[in-house]
Amino acid sequence: MTDTIDGVLGEIRFAPDGLVPAIAQQHDTGEVLMVAWMNREAVRVTLAEGMACYWSRSRQALWRKGDISGQTQRLVEFRLDCDGDTVLLLVDQHGVACHTGRRNCFFRAWRNGAWTMIAAPLVDPAQLYPASGSNSRSRSEGSSSGPSASRAS
């Protein structure tokens, strides 16, 4: 399997910082769940273990999705885009994907000139991350698609 994974890694065009954007999508509905980052080791772990593993930019460490929250992503299929610089993980999401307790991270829509919340939390973030208190920015199981935000899920 190592040779196969090395072959996959050889096809991915990682950015100069060693990362590649990773989109997580629910395999059976097409729902886009989240965007994260992967380095070579995160890709290797994901393919070897069959569970989503990302790179936390805020902690500079591997982030096995669900290690803290229990909200895991089982890998169904791993895809590479036409340019080789973005990966798509088709996953089976167990629980919520967003550190805010929502099903996905895309719960704000620009409507009529303002941001509108289009999904309520399904789980209280304090239940997902009991040791970290109520400040969702302080939880950092992973990292978001935003440049400076620290996220967990």
Protein backbone atom coordinates (compact mmCIF):
# COMPACT_ATOMS: atom_id res chain seq x y z
CA MET A 1 0.00 0.00 0.00
CA THR A 2 2.95 2.36 0.63
CA ASP A 3 3.86 2.29 -3.08
CA THR A 4 0.27 3.14 -4.00
CA ILE A 5 0.13 6.01 -1.51
CA ASP A 6 3.50 7.29 -2.72
CA GLY A 7 2.07 7.28 -6.24
CA VAL A 8 -0.91 9.34 -5.10
CA LEU A 9 1.38 11.78 -3.30
CA GLY A 10 3.48 12.14 -6.44
CA GLU A 11 0.46 13.36 -8.39
CA ILE A 12 -0.58 16.06 -5.89
CA ARG A 13 0.82 19.56 -6.45
CA PHE A 14 1.43 20.79 -2.91
CA ALA A 15 1.93 24.56 -2.49
CA PRO A 16 5.35 25.89 -1.45
CA ASP A 17 4.21 25.69 2.20
CA GLY A 18 3.65 21.94 1.69
CA LEU A 19 -0.14 22.15 1.87
CA VAL A 20 -3.02 21.43 -0.48
CA PRO A 21 -6.65 22.57 0.00
CA ALA A 22 -8.97 19.71 0.91
CA ILE A 23 -12.72 19.84 0.41
CA ALA A 24 -14.82 17.40 2.42
CA GLN A 25 -18.11 16.41 0.80
CA GLN A 26 -20.80 14.01 2.01
CA HIS A 27 -20.49 11.07 -0.37
CA ASP A 28 -24.18 10.26 -0.83
CA THR A 29 -25.79 13.72 -0.89
CA GLY A 30 -23.09 15.96 -2.38
CA GLU A 31 -23.31 18.35 0.58
CA VAL A 32 -20.09 20.34 0.96
CA LEU A 33 -19.13 19.95 4.60
CA MET A 34 -15.91 21.89 5.08
CA VAL A 35 -12.61 23.04 3.65
CA ALA A 36 -9.35 22.22 5.38
CA TRP A 37 -5.68 21.70 4.51
CA MET A 38 -3.57 18.59 4.08
CA ASN A 39 0.15 18.03 3.96
CA ARG A 40 1.84 14.86 2.66
CA GLU A 41 1.55 13.07 6.00
CA ALA A 42 -2.16 13.95 6.38
CA VAL A 43 -2.83 12.47 2.93
CA ARG A 44 -0.78 9.40 3.81
CA VAL A 45 -2.65 8.86 7.11
CA THR A 46 -6.05 9.44 5.48
CA LEU A 47 -5.40 6.89 2.75
CA ALA A 48 -3.81 4.34 5.08
CA GLU A 49 -6.43 4.56 7.85
CA GLY A 50 -9.55 5.38 5.83
CA MET A 51 -10.45 8.25 8.17
CA ALA A 52 -10.00 11.94 7.40
CA CYS A 53 -6.84 13.50 8.74
CA TYR A 54 -5.92 17.10 8.03
CA TRP A 55 -3.15 19.57 8.86
CA SER A 56 -3.96 22.15 11.52
CA ARG A 57 -2.33 25.39 10.47
CA SER A 58 -2.98 26.96 13.86
CA ARG A 59 -1.31 24.15 15.82
CA GLN A 60 1.13 23.07 13.10
CA ALA A 61 0.18 19.45 13.70
CA LEU A 62 -1.82 16.61 12.21
CA TRP A 63 -5.52 16.82 13.01
CA ARG A 64 -7.44 13.57 12.93
CA LYS A 65 -10.99 14.70 12.37
CA GLY A 66 -13.05 13.80 15.41
CA ASP A 67 -10.22 13.03 17.86
CA ILE A 68 -11.57 15.68 20.22
CA SER A 69 -15.20 16.08 19.17
CA GLY A 70 -16.03 12.51 18.15
CA GLN A 71 -17.42 13.89 14.86
CA THR A 72 -15.50 11.71 12.42
CA GLN A 73 -15.26 11.43 8.65
CA ARG A 74 -14.86 7.97 7.11
CA LEU A 75 -13.19 8.20 3.73
CA VAL A 76 -15.28 6.80 0.88
CA GLU A 77 -13.26 8.16 -2.04
CA PHE A 78 -10.23 10.41 -2.52
CA ARG A 79 -10.19 12.62 -5.63
CA LEU A 80 -7.73 15.02 -7.23
CA ASP A 81 -8.80 18.01 -9.35
CA CYS A 82 -7.73 18.64 -12.95
CA ASP A 83 -4.74 20.79 -11.96
CA GLY A 84 -3.63 18.44 -9.20
CA ASP A 85 -3.67 21.24 -6.63
CA THR A 86 -6.89 20.56 -4.71
CA VAL A 87 -8.19 17.33 -3.23
CA LEU A 88 -11.76 16.24 -2.63
CA LEU A 89 -12.58 13.80 0.12
CA LEU A 90 -15.91 12.05 -0.32
CA VAL A 91 -16.71 11.09 3.24
CA ASP A 92 -19.36 9.60 5.45
CA GLN A 93 -19.73 12.29 8.12
CA HIS A 94 -20.56 11.00 11.60
CA GLY A 95 -22.19 13.86 13.50
CA VAL A 96 -21.59 17.49 12.63
CA ALA A 97 -18.68 18.74 10.54
CA CYS A 98 -18.39 22.29 11.88
CA HIS A 99 -16.86 23.36 15.18
CA THR A 100 -19.94 25.58 15.66
CA GLY A 101 -22.12 22.48 16.01
CA ARG A 102 -23.63 22.82 12.54
CA ARG A 103 -23.85 20.07 9.95
CA ASN A 104 -21.46 21.96 7.66
CA CYS A 105 -19.28 25.05 7.80
CA PHE A 106 -21.23 26.95 5.15
CA PHE A 107 -24.13 28.26 7.22
CA ARG A 108 -23.90 31.95 6.27
CA ALA A 109 -25.42 33.16 2.99
CA TRP A 110 -25.11 36.63 1.47
CA ARG A 111 -28.72 37.63 0.90
CA ASN A 112 -30.20 41.06 0.27
CA GLY A 113 -26.95 42.81 1.13
CA ALA A 114 -26.30 41.07 4.45
CA TRP A 115 -25.09 37.79 5.90
CA THR A 116 -27.96 35.51 6.85
CA MET A 117 -27.64 32.45 9.09
CA ILE A 118 -29.24 29.61 7.14
CA ALA A 119 -28.57 26.76 9.59
CA ALA A 120 -28.81 26.53 13.34
CA PRO A 121 -26.39 24.49 15.45
CA LEU A 122 -27.45 20.87 15.86
CA VAL A 123 -25.12 20.34 18.80
CA ASP A 124 -23.94 22.80 21.45
CA PRO A 125 -20.20 23.35 20.84
CA ALA A 126 -19.66 23.10 24.61
CA GLN A 127 -20.78 19.46 24.34
CA LEU A 128 -18.31 18.83 21.52
CA TYR A 129 -15.41 20.50 23.34
CA PRO A 130 -16.21 20.43 27.08
CA ALA A 131 -12.66 21.15 28.27
CA SER A 132 -12.31 24.33 26.25
CA GLY A 133 -15.26 26.33 27.58
CA SER A 134 -17.72 28.27 25.48
CA ASN A 135 -15.36 30.28 23.26
CA SER A 136 -15.40 28.44 19.92
CA ARG A 137 -12.32 30.36 18.72
CA SER A 138 -10.26 28.82 21.54
CA ARG A 139 -10.97 25.28 20.38
CA SER A 140 -8.46 24.15 17.81
CA GLU A 141 -8.91 20.57 16.78
CA GLY A 142 -8.26 21.76 13.25
CA SER A 143 -8.06 24.83 11.08
CA SER A 144 -10.53 26.54 8.85
CA SER A 145 -10.49 27.78 5.33
CA GLY A 146 -10.11 31.33 6.62
CA PRO A 147 -6.61 32.82 6.76
CA SER A 148 -6.43 33.47 10.49
CA ALA A 149 -9.33 31.67 12.10
CA SER A 150 -8.63 28.80 14.44
CA ARG A 151 -11.33 26.14 14.15
CA ALA A 152 -12.05 22.77 15.61
CA SER A 153 -14.33 19.95 14.63
